[in-house]
C-alpha atoms as a PDB file:
ATOM      1  CA  MET A   1      -0.017   0.073  -0.093  1.00  0.00           C
ATOM      2  CA  SER A   2       2.585   2.625   0.761  1.00  0.00           C
ATOM      3  CA  GLU A   3       4.700   3.899  -2.010  1.00  0.00           C
ATOM      4  CA  PRO A   4       7.874   5.807  -1.314  1.00  0.00           C
ATOM      5  CA  THR A   5       7.679   9.402  -1.861  1.00  0.00           C
ATOM      6  CA  SER A   6      10.711   9.735  -3.852  1.00  0.00           C
ATOM      7  CA  GLN A   7       9.471   7.379  -6.638  1.00  0.00           C
ATOM      8  CA  PRO A   8       7.571   9.845  -8.887  1.00  0.00           C
ATOM      9  CA  GLY A   9      10.982  12.022  -8.809  1.00  0.00           C
ATOM     10  CA  ALA A  10      12.944   8.874  -9.549  1.00  0.00           C
ATOM     11  CA  GLU A  11      10.903   8.108 -12.586  1.00  0.00           C
ATOM     12  CA  GLN A  12      11.164  11.608 -13.869  1.00  0.00           C
ATOM     13  CA  GLN A  13      14.734  11.506 -13.648  1.00  0.00           C
ATOM     14  CA  ALA A  14      15.161   8.113 -15.311  1.00  0.00           C
ATOM     15  CA  LEU A  15      12.729   9.488 -18.236  1.00  0.00           C
ATOM     16  CA  GLN A  16      14.817  12.659 -18.491  1.00  0.00           C
ATOM     17  CA  ALA A  17      18.088  10.574 -18.653  1.00  0.00           C
ATOM     18  CA  ALA A  18      16.630   8.349 -21.354  1.00  0.00           C
ATOM     19  CA  CYS A  19      15.337  11.411 -23.318  1.00  0.00           C
ATOM     20  CA  ALA A  20      18.971  12.969 -23.149  1.00  0.00           C
ATOM     21  CA  GLU A  21      20.625   9.809 -24.410  1.00  0.00           C
ATOM     22  CA  GLN A  22      18.186   9.379 -27.275  1.00  0.00           C
ATOM     23  CA  LEU A  23      18.758  13.183 -28.220  1.00  0.00           C
ATOM     24  CA  LYS A  24      22.419  12.829 -28.185  1.00  0.00           C
ATOM     25  CA  ALA A  25      22.136   9.587 -30.478  1.00  0.00           C
ATOM     26  CA  LEU A  26      20.089  11.434 -32.923  1.00  0.00           C
ATOM     27  CA  PHE A  27      21.620  14.949 -32.894  1.00  0.00           C
ATOM     28  CA  PRO A  28      25.122  14.592 -31.522  1.00  0.00           C
ATOM     29  CA  ALA A  29      26.268  17.927 -33.136  1.00  0.00           C
ATOM     30  CA  LEU A  30      23.994  19.662 -30.481  1.00  0.00           C
ATOM     31  CA  PHE A  31      23.579  17.478 -27.559  1.00  0.00           C
ATOM     32  CA  THR A  32      27.129  15.971 -27.054  1.00  0.00           C
ATOM     33  CA  GLY A  33      29.972  17.590 -25.420  1.00  0.00           C
ATOM     34  CA  ALA A  34      29.858  21.050 -23.734  1.00  0.00           C
ATOM     35  CA  PRO A  35      26.544  22.517 -23.702  1.00  0.00           C
ATOM     36  CA  LYS A  36      25.647  24.958 -26.676  1.00  0.00           C
ATOM     37  CA  PRO A  37      22.945  27.641 -26.649  1.00  0.00           C
ATOM     38  CA  VAL A  38      20.159  25.887 -28.557  1.00  0.00           C
ATOM     39  CA  LYS A  39      18.170  27.806 -31.287  1.00  0.00           C
ATOM     40  CA  LEU A  40      14.932  29.284 -30.130  1.00  0.00           C
ATOM     41  CA  ARG A  41      11.797  27.290 -30.475  1.00  0.00           C
ATOM     42  CA  ILE A  42      14.283  23.964 -30.981  1.00  0.00           C
ATOM     43  CA  GLN A  43      11.496  21.785 -29.496  1.00  0.00           C
ATOM     44  CA  ALA A  44       9.502  22.030 -32.916  1.00  0.00           C
ATOM     45  CA  ASP A  45      12.292  21.218 -34.833  1.00  0.00           C
ATOM     46  CA  ILE A  46      12.993  18.117 -32.919  1.00  0.00           C
ATOM     47  CA  GLN A  47       9.318  17.122 -33.196  1.00  0.00           C
ATOM     48  CA  GLU A  48       9.598  17.944 -36.993  1.00  0.00           C
ATOM     49  CA  ARG A  49      13.072  15.707 -37.246  1.00  0.00           C
ATOM     50  CA  ALA A  50      11.800  12.877 -34.967  1.00  0.00           C
ATOM     51  CA  PRO A  51       8.063  12.595 -35.088  1.00  0.00           C
ATOM     52  CA  GLY A  52       6.521  10.395 -32.477  1.00  0.00           C
ATOM     53  CA  GLN A  53       9.679   9.635 -30.625  1.00  0.00           C
ATOM     54  CA  PHE A  54       9.189  12.341 -28.028  1.00  0.00           C
ATOM     55  CA  SER A  55       6.158  13.338 -26.231  1.00  0.00           C
ATOM     56  CA  LYS A  56       5.734  17.191 -25.549  1.00  0.00           C
ATOM     57  CA  GLN A  57       6.073  16.661 -21.703  1.00  0.00           C
ATOM     58  CA  GLN A  58       9.241  14.634 -22.383  1.00  0.00           C
ATOM     59  CA  LEU A  59      10.741  17.390 -24.323  1.00  0.00           C
ATOM     60  CA  SER A  60       9.540  20.264 -22.313  1.00  0.00           C
ATOM     61  CA  ALA A  61      10.994  18.582 -19.020  1.00  0.00           C
ATOM     62  CA  PHE A  62      14.307  17.720 -20.603  1.00  0.00           C
ATOM     63  CA  LEU A  63      14.690  21.383 -22.151  1.00  0.00           C
ATOM     64  CA  ARG A  64      13.863  23.028 -18.963  1.00  0.00           C
ATOM     65  CA  ARG A  65      16.321  20.997 -17.229  1.00  0.00           C
ATOM     66  CA  HIS A  66      18.832  21.424 -19.943  1.00  0.00           C
ATOM     67  CA  THR A  67      18.677  25.094 -20.456  1.00  0.00           C
ATOM     68  CA  GLY A  68      18.503  25.777 -16.602  1.00  0.00           C
ATOM     69  CA  SER A  69      21.734  24.154 -15.702  1.00  0.00           C
ATOM     70  CA  THR A  70      24.953  26.253 -14.613  1.00  0.00           C
ATOM     71  CA  ALA A  71      27.146  25.138 -17.606  1.00  0.00           C
ATOM     72  CA  TYR A  72      24.056  26.035 -19.924  1.00  0.00           C
ATOM     73  CA  LEU A  73      23.861  29.622 -18.606  1.00  0.00           C
ATOM     74  CA  ASN A  74      27.674  30.146 -18.674  1.00  0.00           C
ATOM     75  CA  ALA A  75      27.517  28.911 -22.363  1.00  0.00           C
ATOM     76  CA  VAL A  76      24.899  31.716 -23.019  1.00  0.00           C
ATOM     77  CA  ILE A  77      27.095  34.270 -21.483  1.00  0.00           C
ATOM     78  CA  LYS A  78      30.113  33.359 -23.416  1.00  0.00           C
ATOM     79  CA  SER A  79      28.790  32.430 -26.873  1.00  0.00           C
ATOM     80  CA  THR A  80      27.654  34.865 -29.633  1.00  0.00           C
ATOM     81  CA  HIS A  81      25.280  32.668 -31.603  1.00  0.00           C
ATOM     82  CA  ARG A  82      22.750  29.873 -31.002  1.00  0.00           C
ATOM     83  CA  PHE A  83      23.018  26.442 -32.762  1.00  0.00           C
ATOM     84  CA  ASP A  84      20.454  24.233 -34.534  1.00  0.00           C
ATOM     85  CA  LEU A  85      20.268  20.447 -34.513  1.00  0.00           C
ATOM     86  CA  ASP A  86      22.853  20.146 -36.922  1.00  0.00           C
ATOM     87  CA  GLY A  87      25.363  22.162 -34.871  1.00  0.00           C
ATOM     88  CA  LYS A  88      25.196  25.181 -37.418  1.00  0.00           C
ATOM     89  CA  GLU A  89      24.869  28.901 -35.931  1.00  0.00           C
ATOM     90  CA  ALA A  90      21.124  29.901 -36.118  1.00  0.00           C
ATOM     91  CA  GLY A  91      20.891  33.550 -34.772  1.00  0.00           C
ATOM     92  CA  GLU A  92      22.592  35.597 -32.222  1.00  0.00           C
ATOM     93  CA  ILE A  93      22.309  35.646 -28.751  1.00  0.00           C
ATOM     94  CA  THR A  94      20.617  39.038 -27.565  1.00  0.00           C
ATOM     95  CA  ALA A  95      21.982  41.156 -24.800  1.00  0.00           C
ATOM     96  CA  GLU A  96      18.847  40.656 -22.959  1.00  0.00           C
ATOM     97  CA  HIS A  97      19.174  36.922 -23.013  1.00  0.00           C
ATOM     98  CA  LYS A  98      22.910  37.214 -21.798  1.00  0.00           C
ATOM     99  CA  GLN A  99      21.836  39.446 -18.914  1.00  0.00           C
ATOM    100  CA  VAL A 100      18.907  36.981 -17.782  1.00  0.00           C
ATOM    101  CA  ALA A 101      21.501  34.549 -17.711  1.00  0.00           C
ATOM    102  CA  ARG A 102      24.025  36.691 -15.602  1.00  0.00           C
ATOM    103  CA  ASP A 103      21.307  37.603 -13.157  1.00  0.00           C
ATOM    104  CA  GLU A 104      20.375  33.931 -12.625  1.00  0.00           C
ATOM    105  CA  LEU A 105      23.869  32.934 -11.849  1.00  0.00           C
ATOM    106  CA  SER A 106      24.393  35.898  -9.502  1.00  0.00           C
ATOM    107  CA  ARG A 107      21.137  34.765  -7.631  1.00  0.00           C
ATOM    108  CA  ARG A 108      22.345  31.272  -7.281  1.00  0.00           C
ATOM    109  CA  ARG A 109      25.885  32.226  -6.058  1.00  0.00           C
ATOM    110  CA  ALA A 110      23.972  34.455  -3.433  1.00  0.00           C
ATOM    111  CA  LYS A 111      21.918  31.670  -2.409  1.00  0.00           C
ATOM    112  CA  HIS A 112      24.892  29.235  -2.264  1.00  0.00           C
ATOM    113  CA  GLN A 113      26.831  31.812   0.017  1.00  0.00           C
ATOM    114  CA  GLU A 114      23.760  32.214   2.372  1.00  0.00           C
ATOM    115  CA  ARG A 115      23.296  28.496   2.729  1.00  0.00           C
ATOM    116  CA  GLN A 116      27.196  28.055   3.246  1.00  0.00           C
ATOM    117  CA  VAL A 117      26.930  30.832   6.204  1.00  0.00           C
ATOM    118  CA  GLN A 118      24.173  29.140   7.603  1.00  0.00           C
ATOM    119  CA  GLU A 119      25.609  25.587   7.571  1.00  0.00           C
ATOM    120  CA  GLU A 120      28.931  26.961   9.219  1.00  0.00           C
ATOM    121  CA  ALA A 121      26.941  28.896  11.930  1.00  0.00           C
ATOM    122  CA  ALA A 122      25.144  25.704  12.571  1.00  0.00           C
ATOM    123  CA  GLN A 123      28.379  23.413  12.855  1.00  0.00           C
ATOM    124  CA  ARG A 124      29.968  26.114  15.093  1.00  0.00           C
ATOM    125  CA  GLN A 125      27.142  25.723  17.479  1.00  0.00           C
ATOM    126  CA  ARG A 126      27.249  21.884  17.593  1.00  0.00           C
ATOM    127  CA  PHE A 127      30.979  22.106  18.332  1.00  0.00           C
ATOM    128  CA  GLU A 128      30.396  24.622  21.135  1.00  0.00           C
ATOM    129  CA  LEU A 129      27.620  22.588  22.435  1.00  0.00           C
ATOM    130  CA  LEU A 130      30.091  19.324  22.425  1.00  0.00           C
ATOM    131  CA  ARG A 131      32.702  21.320  24.112  1.00  0.00           C
ATOM    132  CA  ALA A 132      30.568  22.721  26.731  1.00  0.00           C
ATOM    133  CA  PHE A 133      29.021  19.083  27.435  1.00  0.00           C
ATOM    134  CA  GLU A 134      32.576  17.673  27.744  1.00  0.00           C
ATOM    135  CA  THR A 135      33.355  20.381  30.380  1.00  0.00           C
ATOM    136  CA  THR A 136      30.266  20.728  32.367  1.00  0.00           C
ATOM    137  CA  THR A 137      29.760  19.513  35.956  1.00  0.00           C
ATOM    138  CA  LEU A 138      25.836  19.585  35.499  1.00  0.00           C
ATOM    139  CA  THR A 139      23.781  16.694  34.980  1.00  0.00           C
ATOM    140  CA  ARG A 140      22.489  15.493  31.692  1.00  0.00           C
ATOM    141  CA  ALA A 141      19.117  16.883  32.499  1.00  0.00           C
ATOM    142  CA  ASN A 142      20.348  19.995  33.881  1.00  0.00           C
ATOM    143  CA  PHE A 143      22.537  20.813  30.840  1.00  0.00           C
ATOM    144  CA  CYS A 144      19.720  20.051  28.605  1.00  0.00           C
ATOM    145  CA  ALA A 145      17.497  22.428  30.321  1.00  0.00           C
ATOM    146  CA  LEU A 146      20.286  24.927  30.139  1.00  0.00           C
ATOM    147  CA  LYS A 147      20.810  24.623  26.502  1.00  0.00           C
ATOM    148  CA  GLY A 148      16.946  24.488  25.800  1.00  0.00           C
ATOM    149  CA  LEU A 149      17.205  21.111  24.229  1.00  0.00           C
ATOM    150  CA  ALA A 150      15.309  17.830  24.607  1.00  0.00           C
ATOM    151  CA  GLU A 151      17.378  15.087  26.069  1.00  0.00           C
ATOM    152  CA  ASP A 152      16.368  12.915  23.064  1.00  0.00           C
ATOM    153  CA  GLN A 153      18.054  15.473  20.614  1.00  0.00           C
ATOM    154  CA  LEU A 154      21.498  15.748  22.870  1.00  0.00           C
ATOM    155  CA  ASP A 155      22.829  12.469  21.473  1.00  0.00           C
ATOM    156  CA  GLY A 156      22.437  13.213  17.814  1.00  0.00           C
ATOM    157  CA  LEU A 157      23.537  16.523  17.893  1.00  0.00           C
ATOM    158  CA  LEU A 158      26.885  15.344  20.049  1.00  0.00           C
ATOM    159  CA  ALA A 159      27.373  12.506  17.702  1.00  0.00           C
ATOM    160  CA  GLN A 160      27.256  14.911  14.554  1.00  0.00           C
ATOM    161  CA  ALA A 161      29.494  17.358  16.294  1.00  0.00           C
ATOM    162  CA  ARG A 162      32.023  14.473  17.093  1.00  0.00           C
ATOM    163  CA  GLU A 163      31.918  13.399  13.516  1.00  0.00           C
ATOM    164  CA  GLU A 164      32.286  16.758  12.167  1.00  0.00           C
ATOM    165  CA  ALA A 165      35.336  17.452  14.621  1.00  0.00           C
ATOM    166  CA  LYS A 166      36.936  14.093  13.306  1.00  0.00           C
ATOM    167  CA  ALA A 167      36.621  15.102   9.702  1.00  0.00           C
ATOM    168  CA  TRP A 168      38.005  18.574  10.253  1.00  0.00           C
ATOM    169  CA  ALA A 169      41.027  17.102  12.035  1.00  0.00           C
ATOM    170  CA  ALA A 170      41.451  14.797   9.335  1.00  0.00           C
ATOM    171  CA  ARG A 171      41.766  17.704   6.530  1.00  0.00           C
ATOM    172  CA  PRO A 172      45.214  18.394   4.977  1.00  0.00           C
ATOM    173  CA  ARG A 173      46.929  21.267   6.842  1.00  0.00           C
ATOM    174  CA  PRO A 174      47.110  24.568   4.941  1.00  0.00           C
ATOM    175  CA  ALA A 175      50.322  25.256   3.090  1.00  0.00           C
ATOM    176  CA  ASP A 176      51.795  27.458   5.340  1.00  0.00           C
ATOM    177  CA  GLY A 177      51.693  25.182   8.191  1.00  0.00           C
ATOM    178  CA  GLY A 178      48.862  26.616  10.181  1.00  0.00           C
ATOM    179  CA  ARG A 179      46.684  24.502  12.221  1.00  0.00           C
ATOM    180  CA  GLY A 180      43.465  26.141  11.417  1.00  0.00           C
ATOM    181  CA  GLY A 181      40.595  26.745  13.657  1.00  0.00           C
ATOM    182  CA  ALA A 182      37.820  24.500  15.099  1.00  0.00           C
ATOM    183  CA  PRO A 183      34.742  23.618  12.890  1.00  0.00           C
ATOM    184  CA  GLY A 184      32.870  26.527  11.681  1.00  0.00           C
ATOM    185  CA  GLU A 185      35.764  28.952  12.796  1.00  0.00           C
ATOM    186  CA  ARG A 186      37.434  30.942  10.442  1.00  0.00           C
ATOM    187  CA  ARG A 187      41.038  30.005   9.347  1.00  0.00           C
ATOM    188  CA  GLY A 188      43.425  31.345  12.031  1.00  0.00           C
ATOM    189  CA  GLY A 189      40.744  31.385  14.737  1.00  0.00           C
ATOM    190  CA  PRO A 190      38.491  34.113  16.035  1.00  0.00           C
ATOM    191  CA  GLY A 191      40.600  37.382  16.851  1.00  0.00           C
ATOM    192  CA  ALA A 192      43.588  36.365  14.669  1.00  0.00           C
ATOM    193  CA  ASP A 193      46.027  39.017  14.114  1.00  0.00           C
ATOM    194  CA  ARG A 194      45.962  39.281  10.194  1.00  0.00           C
ATOM    195  CA  ARG A 195      48.057  42.527   9.959  1.00  0.00           C
ATOM    196  CA  GLY A 196      51.453  40.906   9.722  1.00  0.00           C
ATOM    197  CA  PRO A 197      54.695  41.682  11.349  1.00  0.00           C
ATOM    198  CA  ARG A 198      55.438  45.465  12.127  1.00  0.00           C
ATOM    199  CA  GLN A 199      58.307  47.284  10.250  1.00  0.00           C
ATOM    200  CA  GLY A 200      61.645  46.973  11.899  1.00  0.00           C
ATOM    201  CA  ARG A 201      63.880  50.046  12.764  1.00  0.00           C
ATOM    202  CA  PRO A 202      67.443  50.762  13.029  1.00  0.00           C
ATOM    203  CA  ASP A 203      68.923  50.393  16.447  1.00  0.00           C
ATOM    204  CA  ASP A 204      70.221  53.972  16.679  1.00  0.00           C
ATOM    205  CA  ARG A 205      71.199  53.590  20.197  1.00  0.00           C
ATOM    206  CA  ARG A 206      73.823  50.850  19.310  1.00  0.00           C
ATOM    207  CA  SER A 207      75.073  52.637  16.418  1.00  0.00           C
ATOM    208  CA  GLY A 208      75.425  56.060  18.177  1.00  0.00           C
ATOM    209  CA  ARG A 209      73.372  57.951  15.624  1.00  0.00           C
ATOM    210  CA  GLY A 210      70.543  60.346  16.196  1.00  0.00           C
ATOM    211  CA  ALA A 211      67.474  60.720  14.559  1.00  0.00           C
ATOM    212  CA  SER A 212      68.922  62.753  11.857  1.00  0.00           C
ATOM    213  CA  GLY A 213      71.099  59.846  10.611  1.00  0.00           C
ATOM    214  CA  LYS A 214      74.330  61.837  10.835  1.00  0.00           C
ATOM    215  CA  GLY A 215      77.440  60.171  12.155  1.00  0.00           C
ATOM    216  CA  GLY A 216      79.706  61.335  14.835  1.00  0.00           C
ATOM    217  CA  GLY A 217      77.381  61.027  17.745  1.00  0.00           C
ATOM    218  CA  GLN A 218      75.508  64.273  16.842  1.00  0.00           C
ATOM    219  CA  GLY A 219      72.056  64.965  17.469  1.00  0.00           C
ATOM    220  CA  ARG A 220      69.546  63.476  20.121  1.00  0.00           C
ATOM    221  CA  PRO A 221      69.680  59.607  20.930  1.00  0.00           C
ATOM    222  CA  GLN A 222      67.309  57.107  20.028  1.00  0.00           C
ATOM    223  CA  GLY A 223      65.601  57.462  23.531  1.00  0.00           C
ATOM    224  CA  GLY A 224      64.588  60.936  23.098  1.00  0.00           C
ATOM    225  CA  ARG A 225      66.588  62.679  25.902  1.00  0.00           C
ATOM    226  CA  PRO A 226      69.180  65.370  25.245  1.00  0.00           C
ATOM    227  CA  ALA A 227      72.710  64.806  25.133  1.00  0.00           C
ATOM    228  CA  PRO A 228      74.516  65.661  28.398  1.00  0.00           C
ATOM    229  CA  ALA A 229      75.982  69.025  28.637  1.00  0.00           C
ATOM    230  CA  ARG A 230      79.909  69.061  28.374  1.00  0.00           C
ATOM    231  CA  PRO A 231      81.727  69.965  31.678  1.00  0.00           C
ATOM    232  CA  GLU A 232      82.765  73.744  31.891  1.00  0.00           C
ATOM    233  CA  SER A 233      86.644  72.434  32.121  1.00  0.00           C
ATOM    234  CA  ALA A 234      86.084  70.712  28.741  1.00  0.00           C
ATOM    235  CA  ARG A 235      84.512  74.054  27.191  1.00  0.00           C
ATOM    236  CA  ALA A 236      87.523  76.271  28.188  1.00  0.00           C
ATOM    237  CA  GLN A 237      90.150  73.989  26.825  1.00  0.00           C
ATOM    238  CA  PRO A 238      91.311  75.391  23.447  1.00  0.00           C
ATOM    239  CA  ALA A 239      91.128  73.224  20.299  1.00  0.00           C
ATOM    240  CA  GLU A 240      94.325  71.824  19.580  1.00  0.00           C
ATOM    241  CA  ALA A 241      93.768  71.746  15.885  1.00  0.00           C
ATOM    242  CA  PRO A 242      90.872  72.517  13.466  1.00  0.00           C
ATOM    243  CA  ARG A 243      89.399  69.167  12.585  1.00  0.00           C
ATOM    244  CA  GLU A 244      87.511  68.244   9.176  1.00  0.00           C
ATOM    245  CA  ALA A 245      83.899  68.553   9.077  1.00  0.00           C
ATOM    246  CA  ALA A 246      82.303  64.977   9.243  1.00  0.00           C
ATOM    247  CA  ALA A 247      81.145  64.081   5.804  1.00  0.00           C
ATOM    248  CA  PRO A 248      77.059  63.707   5.914  1.00  0.00           C
ATOM    249  CA  VAL A 249      75.643  59.929   5.931  1.00  0.00           C
ATOM    250  CA  ASP A 250      73.214  58.933   3.400  1.00  0.00           C
ATOM    251  CA  ALA A 251      70.675  57.526   5.768  1.00  0.00           C
ATOM    252  CA  ALA A 252      68.919  55.693   2.998  1.00  0.00           C
ATOM    253  CA  ALA A 253      72.011  54.097   1.976  1.00  0.00           C
ATOM    254  CA  GLN A 254      73.391  53.004   5.623  1.00  0.00           C
ATOM    255  CA  ALA A 255      69.873  52.250   7.263  1.00  0.00           C
ATOM    256  CA  PRO A 256      69.555  48.329   7.375  1.00  0.00           C
ATOM    257  CA  ALA A 257      67.043  46.921   5.054  1.00  0.00           C
ATOM    258  CA  THR A 258      63.489  45.998   6.647  1.00  0.00           C
ATOM    259  CA  ASP A 259      60.746  43.703   5.461  1.00  0.00           C
ATOM    260  CA  VAL A 260      57.552  45.491   5.496  1.00  0.00           C
ATOM    261  CA  GLY A 261      54.673  42.842   6.816  1.00  0.00           C
ATOM    262  CA  GLN A 262      51.714  42.768   4.656  1.00  0.00           C
ATOM    263  CA  GLY A 263      48.598  41.507   6.338  1.00  0.00           C
ATOM    264  CA  GLU A 264      46.442  38.738   4.835  1.00  0.00           C
ATOM    265  CA  ALA A 265      44.169  40.195   2.073  1.00  0.00           C
END
């Protein structure tokens, strides 16, 4: 008495697969290989070239599925012409039809991204539930009451979280050797610093140069304190002989090279 609810869908898929194979055999120039944009009103051409072999319902279901695939929509965007049953050009593709294909692909991408975000959020919640359950001191009943769960739901969620954690741990490590985060977390973990290393600076205190980059100990030291005053006795002593003026130092040439860290894009 009971019939599987998936039976009609399975039968429909089998009919469409048989229709596709038959069309490939009859019109290989159009229906084999990568999808090609089909000529407008191609269904009438098929009925004329292969009378009685396909019902209208069969062709409508097949063409709706065929022309709605992502590969076919990309072909519409990239191609300039449509093709007939013999694989010959049969009219240009209008800009309006190309835009319809772009809009549909954009809608699908947005829907896929939204679904992916929801799945990652649900996975993160299951992982946090598992971590809380393994560290709690509450009884099972009190833990379920705290989390707002029925006790018969807990085991299934915990088992799913353990399987997801196991699969996550078995994934290949990133190329940079990072460990990655927990299931559902972004790479590097929450709050990871993505700015990269800070730019290094020359150690002016070690070299004895001031901020101006001139040699001879002139200028203010790196620490920002003024240079100590010379003793009065040293000021009173006459200079023995005029010294040559120190040659200016090219700070750009003398400063050590530093790597500027760039954060992750």
